[in-house]
Amino acid sequence: MTSLAPTETADGAVHLATVQQRHLKLPIVLAAATVLLAALFLFAPRSGTSTFRLGDAASALELPNVGVPTGPTSWITLVFVAALAAWAFVEAWAYRRPRLWLPVVFSVLAVFAFLTWAAAGGQVPVTGLLAGAISLSVPLVFGALGGVIGERVGVVNVAIEGQLLLGAFSAALLSSITGNPFVGLVGAMIGGVLVAFVLAAFAIKYLVEQVIVGVVLNVLVTGLTGFLYGALLVPNENALNSPVRFTRIEIPLLSEIPIIGPVLFNQTFIVYLMFITVAIVAWGLYRTRWGLRLRAVGEHPQAADTVGINVNRLRFWNVSLAGAIAGIGGAYFTLVSVPQFGKEMTAGLGFIALAAVIFGRWDPIRAALAALLFGFATNLQNLLTVLKTPIPSEFMLMLPYVVTILAVAGFAGQIRGPAASGKPYIKG
């Protein structure tokens, strides 16, 4: 990365000189991960055969299981991992920004080495692992999309947790009353909009600090849904907390593709809606008039105002849209994942979705991929528990959050969000 720094010459004139900066954060993170893997393989060696199950009952083509020797495969893969970490240092020392493929390939090889070590004498269901990652990441993706839209328009959406939770509650209640999951889905969107409406009113109209409003809303929604759960849903569980859930929709032919078929094309309506929503938001943000205005308001609201854009009105309606999208993520909890609503069932996933926004550099597709990474880490924790690895269970529970911290602190690098994000706009 290059930047301009003022320098003064002997005659007193001031000039701008180019200053190069080395990007060492990513190489350091890769090196630390390599050292941790090496320590794990060295101090807790495992032997035997690690089996990767590639086949699935839903696939027309049955793939054979692949077995590899645990120890040699782990160490050989680690050598390639170390080489990539060293190459990242070389790139940084030459003042070159590492290419995107470097951390991606590093992550794939590191995960493969770790799974090989963990599955000694056991079996890794590849299709199940990926399908579980998709399932766990759906609320994160919708929450991250809501965060991207909010921050792109200039409002920090810390209330994603509250939008997910009220969305889950509304979906369970309305689906139980009507017996229709689509009504519950609409109710979840309305619940997310209500939380976003309060956030927008205080942040845009009354100029209250946005982060504080978001945190307070999360606490408020947690308390409100907890009270309504005990006072309303528990005494009337059969009538009000037995939602009709979405069933899986199998796409012919595509669902029979080995490995990816059952993962991508044998899902529920909300998962397919997630794919469509990511594509629409990504296209709209960069290819439409709506996206241009949204980004202009989030970067330079004064300039947007001078060309006739009503900054605060645009912010208000887009924050509401972000709440509706996040509410769909809440619906996934009660209309797909769990058969009924439970207190604090979102378990802080709204904050991980906010981390996915930062890790994804406020881009819809990157934020969705970041959410998939966190979902994969959560599902990996469940798999490692089943494989009975020697890692203590307490560390297993920490895994998704450790991955979140490493992703935001290391892989995100020195990034800046929209220039006007979190800053209220006062006309004139």
Protein backbone atom coordinates (compact mmCIF):
# COMPACT_ATOMS: atom_id res chain seq x y z
CA MET A 1 0.00 0.00 0.00
CA THR A 2 1.24 3.52 -0.79
CA SER A 3 0.27 6.75 0.89
CA LEU A 4 1.23 10.42 0.61
CA ALA A 5 3.13 12.11 3.44
CA PRO A 6 4.15 15.80 3.55
CA THR A 7 7.91 16.46 3.53
CA GLU A 8 9.77 19.77 3.78
CA THR A 9 12.76 20.55 1.57
CA ALA A 10 15.77 22.73 2.42
CA ASP A 11 14.18 25.81 0.88
CA GLY A 12 11.13 25.46 3.11
CA ALA A 13 8.81 24.13 0.38
CA VAL A 14 6.42 21.35 1.33
CA HIS A 15 5.96 18.41 -1.03
CA LEU A 16 3.99 15.19 -0.91
CA ALA A 17 6.21 12.12 -0.90
CA THR A 18 5.07 8.56 -1.54
CA VAL A 19 5.44 6.29 1.49
CA GLN A 20 5.14 2.52 1.12
CA GLN A 21 3.69 0.37 3.87
CA ARG A 22 4.18 -3.33 4.47
CA HIS A 23 1.03 -5.35 5.16
CA LEU A 24 2.27 -7.72 7.85
CA LYS A 25 -0.98 -8.47 9.64
CA LEU A 26 -2.08 -11.29 7.33
CA PRO A 27 1.36 -13.01 7.24
CA ILE A 28 1.54 -12.88 11.03
CA VAL A 29 -1.90 -14.48 11.37
CA LEU A 30 -0.99 -17.21 8.86
CA ALA A 31 2.28 -17.88 10.67
CA ALA A 32 0.51 -18.08 14.04
CA ALA A 33 -2.02 -20.56 12.63
CA THR A 34 0.83 -22.64 11.18
CA VAL A 35 2.63 -22.72 14.53
CA LEU A 36 -0.56 -23.76 16.33
CA LEU A 37 -1.13 -26.62 13.89
CA ALA A 38 2.50 -27.74 14.22
CA ALA A 39 2.24 -27.69 18.03
CA LEU A 40 -1.00 -29.68 17.87
CA PHE A 41 0.49 -32.34 15.61
CA LEU A 42 3.72 -32.48 17.65
CA PHE A 43 2.36 -32.61 21.20
CA ALA A 44 -0.85 -34.54 20.48
CA PRO A 45 0.10 -36.93 17.66
CA ARG A 46 -2.54 -39.25 16.28
CA SER A 47 -2.14 -42.33 14.14
CA GLY A 48 -4.32 -44.56 12.03
CA THR A 49 -6.41 -43.79 8.99
CA SER A 50 -8.59 -40.73 8.48
CA THR A 51 -11.60 -41.41 6.26
CA PHE A 52 -13.47 -38.77 4.28
CA ARG A 53 -16.96 -39.88 3.28
CA LEU A 54 -17.82 -38.21 -0.04
CA GLY A 55 -21.00 -40.11 -0.88
CA ASP A 56 -24.55 -39.26 0.10
CA ALA A 57 -27.78 -41.22 -0.06
CA ALA A 58 -29.46 -38.45 -2.11
CA SER A 59 -26.84 -38.54 -4.86
CA ALA A 60 -27.36 -40.71 -7.93
CA LEU A 61 -23.60 -41.26 -8.20
CA GLU A 62 -22.16 -42.92 -5.14
CA LEU A 63 -18.59 -41.76 -4.51
CA PRO A 64 -16.22 -44.04 -2.60
CA ASN A 65 -14.78 -43.13 0.76
CA VAL A 66 -11.25 -41.72 0.73
CA GLY A 67 -8.88 -42.90 3.43
CA VAL A 68 -5.49 -41.30 4.11
CA PRO A 69 -2.79 -42.08 6.71
CA THR A 70 -3.33 -39.59 9.51
CA GLY A 71 0.21 -38.68 10.56
CA PRO A 72 2.01 -38.42 7.20
CA THR A 73 -0.88 -36.60 5.51
CA SER A 74 -1.15 -34.06 8.33
CA TRP A 75 2.57 -33.23 8.26
CA ILE A 76 2.84 -33.11 4.46
CA THR A 77 -0.11 -30.74 4.26
CA LEU A 78 1.43 -28.65 7.03
CA VAL A 79 4.56 -28.20 4.90
CA PHE A 80 2.45 -26.63 2.14
CA VAL A 81 0.67 -24.49 4.72
CA ALA A 82 4.01 -23.22 6.05
CA ALA A 83 5.18 -22.48 2.52
CA LEU A 84 2.10 -20.32 1.91
CA ALA A 85 2.69 -18.45 5.17
CA ALA A 86 6.31 -17.82 4.14
CA TRP A 87 5.17 -16.62 0.72
CA ALA A 88 2.82 -14.15 2.43
CA PHE A 89 5.83 -12.69 4.28
CA VAL A 90 7.75 -12.43 1.00
CA GLU A 91 4.87 -10.56 -0.62
CA ALA A 92 4.53 -8.22 2.34
CA TRP A 93 8.28 -7.55 2.50
CA ALA A 94 8.21 -6.59 -1.18
CA TYR A 95 5.43 -4.07 -0.43
CA ARG A 96 2.90 -6.14 -2.34
CA ARG A 97 -0.58 -6.80 -1.05
CA PRO A 98 -1.19 -10.60 -0.84
CA ARG A 99 -3.58 -11.93 -3.47
CA LEU A 100 -7.00 -13.18 -2.40
CA TRP A 101 -6.17 -16.75 -3.38
CA LEU A 102 -3.42 -16.93 -0.76
CA PRO A 103 -5.58 -16.86 2.41
CA VAL A 104 -8.26 -18.95 0.66
CA VAL A 105 -5.88 -21.76 -0.31
CA PHE A 106 -4.15 -21.49 3.08
CA SER A 107 -7.49 -21.89 4.88
CA VAL A 108 -8.54 -24.90 2.79
CA LEU A 109 -5.23 -26.71 3.34
CA ALA A 110 -5.13 -25.84 7.04
CA VAL A 111 -8.69 -27.13 7.55
CA PHE A 112 -7.85 -30.31 5.62
CA ALA A 113 -4.74 -30.91 7.76
CA PHE A 114 -6.71 -30.29 10.95
CA LEU A 115 -9.58 -32.58 9.91
CA THR A 116 -7.12 -35.30 8.94
CA TRP A 117 -5.58 -35.10 12.40
CA ALA A 118 -8.98 -34.97 14.14
CA ALA A 119 -10.48 -37.89 12.19
CA ALA A 120 -7.80 -40.43 13.10
CA GLY A 121 -9.59 -43.77 13.21
CA GLY A 122 -12.86 -42.03 12.40
CA GLN A 123 -14.84 -40.64 9.50
CA VAL A 124 -15.58 -37.12 8.25
CA PRO A 125 -18.94 -36.85 6.41
CA VAL A 126 -18.00 -34.15 3.90
CA THR A 127 -21.52 -33.61 2.58
CA GLY A 128 -22.96 -33.46 6.08
CA LEU A 129 -20.26 -31.06 7.21
CA LEU A 130 -20.98 -28.66 4.34
CA ALA A 131 -24.76 -28.98 4.65
CA GLY A 132 -24.55 -28.25 8.36
CA ALA A 133 -22.38 -25.22 7.66
CA ILE A 134 -25.00 -23.87 5.23
CA SER A 135 -27.76 -24.47 7.77
CA LEU A 136 -25.97 -22.72 10.61
CA SER A 137 -24.95 -19.77 8.46
CA VAL A 138 -28.40 -18.82 7.12
CA PRO A 139 -29.30 -16.42 9.99
CA LEU A 140 -25.78 -14.99 9.80
CA VAL A 141 -26.08 -14.30 6.08
CA PHE A 142 -29.40 -12.48 6.41
CA GLY A 143 -28.12 -10.57 9.43
CA ALA A 144 -24.92 -9.63 7.59
CA LEU A 145 -26.90 -8.39 4.57
CA GLY A 146 -28.95 -6.20 6.90
CA GLY A 147 -25.74 -4.89 8.42
CA VAL A 148 -24.22 -4.15 5.00
CA ILE A 149 -27.25 -2.16 3.83
CA GLY A 150 -27.45 -0.25 7.12
CA GLU A 151 -23.80 0.76 7.22
CA ARG A 152 -23.65 1.48 3.50
CA VAL A 153 -26.40 4.04 3.99
CA GLY A 154 -24.67 5.52 7.05
CA VAL A 155 -26.30 3.81 10.07
CA VAL A 156 -24.42 1.26 12.19
CA ASN A 157 -26.87 -1.62 12.65
CA VAL A 158 -25.80 -3.03 16.02
CA ALA A 159 -29.41 -4.13 16.59
CA ILE A 160 -29.10 -7.18 14.32
CA GLU A 161 -29.38 -9.43 17.36
CA GLY A 162 -32.69 -7.87 18.33
CA GLN A 163 -33.99 -8.08 14.76
CA LEU A 164 -33.15 -11.79 14.60
CA LEU A 165 -34.74 -12.49 17.97
CA LEU A 166 -37.99 -10.58 17.38
CA GLY A 167 -38.15 -12.10 13.89
CA ALA A 168 -37.90 -15.59 15.38
CA PHE A 169 -40.61 -14.80 17.95
CA SER A 170 -43.00 -13.26 15.41
CA ALA A 171 -42.51 -16.14 12.97
CA ALA A 172 -43.27 -18.76 15.64
CA LEU A 173 -46.34 -16.91 16.87
CA LEU A 174 -47.95 -16.18 13.50
CA SER A 175 -47.09 -19.54 11.97
CA SER A 176 -48.66 -21.27 14.98
CA ILE A 177 -51.85 -19.18 14.78
CA THR A 178 -52.36 -19.44 11.02
CA GLY A 179 -50.74 -22.81 10.31
CA ASN A 180 -48.89 -21.18 7.40
CA PRO A 181 -45.09 -20.78 7.43
CA PHE A 182 -45.23 -18.03 4.81
CA VAL A 183 -47.37 -15.90 7.13
CA GLY A 184 -44.78 -16.53 9.82
CA LEU A 185 -42.05 -15.40 7.41
CA VAL A 186 -43.89 -12.14 6.72
CA GLY A 187 -44.35 -11.68 10.47
CA ALA A 188 -40.61 -12.14 10.99
CA MET A 189 -39.91 -9.42 8.44
CA ILE A 190 -42.34 -7.10 10.24
CA GLY A 191 -40.64 -7.86 13.55
CA GLY A 192 -37.26 -6.97 12.08
CA VAL A 193 -38.69 -3.76 10.62
CA LEU A 194 -40.11 -2.72 14.01
CA VAL A 195 -36.69 -2.96 15.64
CA ALA A 196 -35.07 -1.16 12.70
CA PHE A 197 -37.79 1.51 12.83
CA VAL A 198 -36.91 2.36 16.44
CA LEU A 199 -33.19 2.33 15.60
CA ALA A 200 -33.74 4.68 12.65
CA ALA A 201 -35.99 7.02 14.62
CA PHE A 202 -33.51 7.53 17.44
CA ALA A 203 -30.36 7.52 15.29
CA ILE A 204 -31.63 9.66 12.40
CA LYS A 205 -34.42 11.81 13.85
CA TYR A 206 -33.13 12.39 17.38
CA LEU A 207 -29.39 12.02 16.66
CA VAL A 208 -28.76 9.55 19.48
CA GLU A 209 -25.47 7.62 19.37
CA GLN A 210 -26.20 4.71 17.05
CA VAL A 211 -24.15 2.03 18.79
CA ILE A 212 -25.77 2.81 22.14
CA VAL A 213 -29.26 2.67 20.62
CA GLY A 214 -28.45 -0.68 19.01
CA VAL A 215 -27.18 -2.19 22.26
CA VAL A 216 -30.18 -0.92 24.21
CA LEU A 217 -32.55 -2.33 21.59
CA ASN A 218 -30.89 -5.74 21.83
CA VAL A 219 -31.39 -5.75 25.61
CA LEU A 220 -34.96 -4.48 25.24
CA VAL A 221 -35.96 -7.13 22.69
CA THR A 222 -34.29 -9.87 24.75
CA GLY A 223 -36.28 -8.85 27.81
CA LEU A 224 -39.53 -8.36 25.87
CA THR A 225 -39.41 -11.70 24.07
CA GLY A 226 -38.37 -13.42 27.29
CA PHE A 227 -41.37 -11.95 29.12
CA LEU A 228 -43.81 -12.80 26.31
CA TYR A 229 -42.36 -16.30 26.10
CA GLY A 230 -43.08 -16.96 29.78
CA ALA A 231 -46.40 -15.15 29.95
CA LEU A 232 -47.87 -16.03 26.56
CA LEU A 233 -46.15 -18.94 24.80
CA VAL A 234 -45.46 -21.32 27.69
CA PRO A 235 -49.09 -21.50 28.94
CA ASN A 236 -50.38 -21.85 25.36
CA GLU A 237 -47.63 -23.89 23.78
CA ASN A 238 -49.82 -25.98 21.47
CA ALA A 239 -51.72 -22.98 20.12
CA LEU A 240 -49.05 -20.27 20.04
CA ASN A 241 -45.65 -21.99 20.02
CA SER A 242 -46.03 -24.91 17.63
CA PRO A 243 -45.15 -23.28 14.30
CA VAL A 244 -45.69 -25.05 10.99
CA ARG A 245 -42.23 -25.24 9.46
CA PHE A 246 -40.92 -25.15 5.91
CA THR A 247 -40.16 -28.51 4.36
CA ARG A 248 -37.27 -29.29 2.05
CA ILE A 249 -37.70 -28.67 -1.66
CA GLU A 250 -35.62 -31.03 -3.75
CA ILE A 251 -34.64 -29.71 -7.17
CA PRO A 252 -34.64 -32.59 -9.67
CA LEU A 253 -31.30 -33.62 -11.20
CA LEU A 254 -29.35 -30.82 -9.47
CA SER A 255 -29.91 -32.38 -6.03
CA GLU A 256 -28.30 -35.60 -7.29
CA ILE A 257 -24.93 -33.98 -8.04
CA PRO A 258 -22.31 -35.57 -5.76
CA ILE A 259 -21.32 -33.56 -2.68
CA ILE A 260 -22.77 -30.15 -3.66
CA GLY A 261 -26.17 -31.45 -4.83
CA PRO A 262 -27.61 -32.27 -1.39
CA VAL A 263 -25.90 -29.21 0.09
CA LEU A 264 -27.26 -26.56 -2.31
CA PHE A 265 -30.27 -28.07 -4.06
CA ASN A 266 -32.14 -29.99 -1.36
CA GLN A 267 -32.98 -27.15 0.97
CA THR A 268 -35.93 -25.24 2.39
CA PHE A 269 -37.56 -22.15 0.91
CA ILE A 270 -35.64 -19.79 3.21
CA VAL A 271 -32.27 -21.15 2.05
CA TYR A 272 -33.20 -20.64 -1.59
CA LEU A 273 -34.44 -17.17 -0.64
CA MET A 274 -31.03 -16.52 0.90
CA PHE A 275 -29.27 -17.31 -2.39
CA ILE A 276 -31.62 -14.99 -4.27
CA THR A 277 -31.35 -12.19 -1.70
CA VAL A 278 -27.55 -12.18 -1.77
CA ALA A 279 -27.60 -11.95 -5.57
CA ILE A 280 -30.23 -9.19 -5.64
CA VAL A 281 -28.54 -7.06 -2.97
CA ALA A 282 -25.13 -7.45 -4.64
CA TRP A 283 -26.55 -6.52 -8.04
CA GLY A 284 -28.67 -3.68 -6.71
CA LEU A 285 -25.90 -2.15 -4.64
CA TYR A 286 -23.54 -1.71 -7.58
CA ARG A 287 -25.75 -1.72 -10.70
CA THR A 288 -28.88 0.28 -9.88
CA ARG A 289 -29.88 3.84 -9.10
CA TRP A 290 -30.97 2.71 -5.66
CA GLY A 291 -27.51 1.32 -4.91
CA LEU A 292 -25.75 4.42 -6.23
CA ARG A 293 -27.83 6.70 -4.02
CA LEU A 294 -27.40 4.42 -1.02
CA ARG A 295 -23.61 4.37 -1.36
CA ALA A 296 -23.48 8.12 -1.99
CA VAL A 297 -25.40 8.84 1.22
CA GLY A 298 -23.12 6.52 3.19
CA GLU A 299 -19.93 8.04 1.81
CA HIS A 300 -20.67 11.74 1.38
CA PRO A 301 -24.15 12.80 2.51
CA GLN A 302 -23.46 16.51 1.91
CA ALA A 303 -22.68 15.88 -1.75
CA ALA A 304 -25.76 13.66 -2.06
CA ASP A 305 -27.89 16.41 -0.54
CA THR A 306 -26.65 18.99 -3.05
CA VAL A 307 -27.94 16.89 -5.97
CA GLY A 308 -31.42 16.62 -4.47
CA ILE A 309 -31.27 13.37 -2.47
CA ASN A 310 -33.20 13.44 0.80
CA VAL A 311 -30.47 11.93 2.95
CA ASN A 312 -32.37 11.18 6.14
CA ARG A 313 -35.43 9.80 4.37
CA LEU A 314 -33.24 7.49 2.27
CA ARG A 315 -31.44 6.36 5.40
CA PHE A 316 -34.70 5.72 7.24
CA TRP A 317 -36.26 3.50 4.58
CA ASN A 318 -33.07 1.56 3.89
CA VAL A 319 -32.52 0.86 7.58
CA SER A 320 -36.09 -0.48 7.63
CA LEU A 321 -35.27 -2.65 4.60
CA ALA A 322 -32.18 -3.93 6.42
CA GLY A 323 -34.37 -4.86 9.40
CA ALA A 324 -36.77 -6.81 7.17
CA ILE A 325 -33.90 -8.81 5.68
CA ALA A 326 -32.44 -9.53 9.12
CA GLY A 327 -35.90 -10.59 10.30
CA ILE A 328 -35.92 -13.35 7.65
CA GLY A 329 -32.80 -14.72 9.33
CA GLY A 330 -34.72 -14.83 12.60
CA ALA A 331 -37.53 -16.77 10.92
CA TYR A 332 -35.05 -19.52 10.08
CA PHE A 333 -34.69 -20.38 13.78
CA THR A 334 -38.37 -21.23 14.33
CA LEU A 335 -39.58 -22.10 10.83
CA VAL A 336 -36.71 -24.42 9.89
CA SER A 337 -34.14 -25.10 12.57
CA VAL A 338 -36.04 -25.48 15.88
CA PRO A 339 -39.70 -26.56 16.24
CA GLN A 340 -40.56 -23.74 18.66
CA PHE A 341 -39.37 -20.42 20.06
CA GLY A 342 -37.05 -20.37 23.07
CA LYS A 343 -35.67 -17.58 25.24
CA GLU A 344 -32.51 -15.94 23.83
CA MET A 345 -32.38 -18.61 21.13
CA THR A 346 -30.27 -16.41 18.81
CA ALA A 347 -27.37 -16.76 21.30
CA GLY A 348 -25.42 -13.71 20.16
CA LEU A 349 -25.39 -14.59 16.46
CA GLY A 350 -26.33 -11.02 15.63
CA PHE A 351 -22.93 -9.84 16.80
CA ILE A 352 -21.19 -12.50 14.73
CA ALA A 353 -23.22 -11.28 11.74
CA LEU A 354 -21.91 -7.78 12.47
CA ALA A 355 -18.38 -9.20 12.48
CA ALA A 356 -19.12 -10.80 9.10
CA VAL A 357 -20.00 -7.33 7.78
CA ILE A 358 -16.57 -6.02 8.80
CA PHE A 359 -14.72 -9.12 7.62
CA GLY A 360 -16.60 -8.91 4.33
CA ARG A 361 -15.57 -5.28 3.88
CA TRP A 362 -19.17 -4.07 3.66
CA ASP A 363 -19.72 -6.05 0.46
CA PRO A 364 -22.80 -8.35 0.21
CA ILE A 365 -21.05 -11.32 -1.39
CA ARG A 366 -17.96 -11.12 0.82
CA ALA A 367 -20.12 -10.70 3.93
CA ALA A 368 -22.16 -13.77 2.93
CA LEU A 369 -18.97 -15.79 2.44
CA ALA A 370 -17.72 -14.60 5.83
CA ALA A 371 -20.99 -15.74 7.39
CA LEU A 372 -20.54 -19.13 5.73
CA LEU A 373 -17.07 -19.34 7.27
CA PHE A 374 -18.44 -18.72 10.75
CA GLY A 375 -21.21 -21.26 10.16
CA PHE A 376 -18.60 -23.79 9.06
CA ALA A 377 -16.59 -23.14 12.24
CA THR A 378 -19.68 -23.74 14.38
CA ASN A 379 -20.50 -27.00 12.60
CA LEU A 380 -16.86 -28.05 12.78
CA GLN A 381 -17.05 -27.69 16.55
CA ASN A 382 -19.96 -30.15 16.60
CA LEU A 383 -18.09 -32.61 14.37
CA LEU A 384 -14.96 -32.49 16.52
CA THR A 385 -17.05 -33.34 19.57
CA VAL A 386 -18.43 -36.41 17.76
CA LEU A 387 -14.93 -37.47 16.65
CA LYS A 388 -13.78 -37.33 20.30
CA THR A 389 -10.63 -35.34 19.64
CA PRO A 390 -8.27 -34.74 22.58
CA ILE A 391 -9.09 -31.02 22.54
CA PRO A 392 -11.05 -30.07 25.71
CA SER A 393 -14.75 -29.41 25.19
CA GLU A 394 -14.41 -25.87 26.54
CA PHE A 395 -12.06 -25.06 23.66
CA MET A 396 -14.53 -26.62 21.24
CA LEU A 397 -17.22 -24.18 22.37
CA MET A 398 -14.79 -21.31 21.86
CA LEU A 399 -13.94 -22.29 18.27
CA PRO A 400 -16.56 -20.21 16.37
CA TYR A 401 -15.70 -17.10 18.37
CA VAL A 402 -11.95 -17.61 18.01
CA VAL A 403 -12.42 -17.87 14.24
CA THR A 404 -14.49 -14.65 14.35
CA ILE A 405 -11.77 -12.78 16.24
CA LEU A 406 -9.00 -14.05 13.97
CA ALA A 407 -11.00 -13.18 10.87
CA VAL A 408 -11.81 -9.62 11.92
CA ALA A 409 -8.45 -8.85 13.53
CA GLY A 410 -6.22 -10.64 11.05
CA PHE A 411 -7.68 -11.35 7.66
CA ALA A 412 -9.70 -8.13 7.45
CA GLY A 413 -6.52 -6.09 7.57
CA GLN A 414 -6.53 -2.31 7.64
CA ILE A 415 -9.92 -1.56 6.17
CA ARG A 416 -12.27 1.36 6.45
CA GLY A 417 -16.01 1.30 6.33
CA PRO A 418 -18.24 3.84 4.61
CA ALA A 419 -17.00 7.32 5.46
CA ALA A 420 -20.29 8.57 6.92
CA SER A 421 -21.22 5.36 8.75
CA GLY A 422 -22.36 6.15 12.28
CA LYS A 423 -22.44 9.89 11.65
CA PRO A 424 -25.82 11.65 11.81
CA TYR A 425 -26.58 14.13 9.06
CA ILE A 426 -27.89 17.57 9.89
CA LYS A 427 -29.10 19.43 6.83
CA GLY A 428 -27.56 22.85 6.29
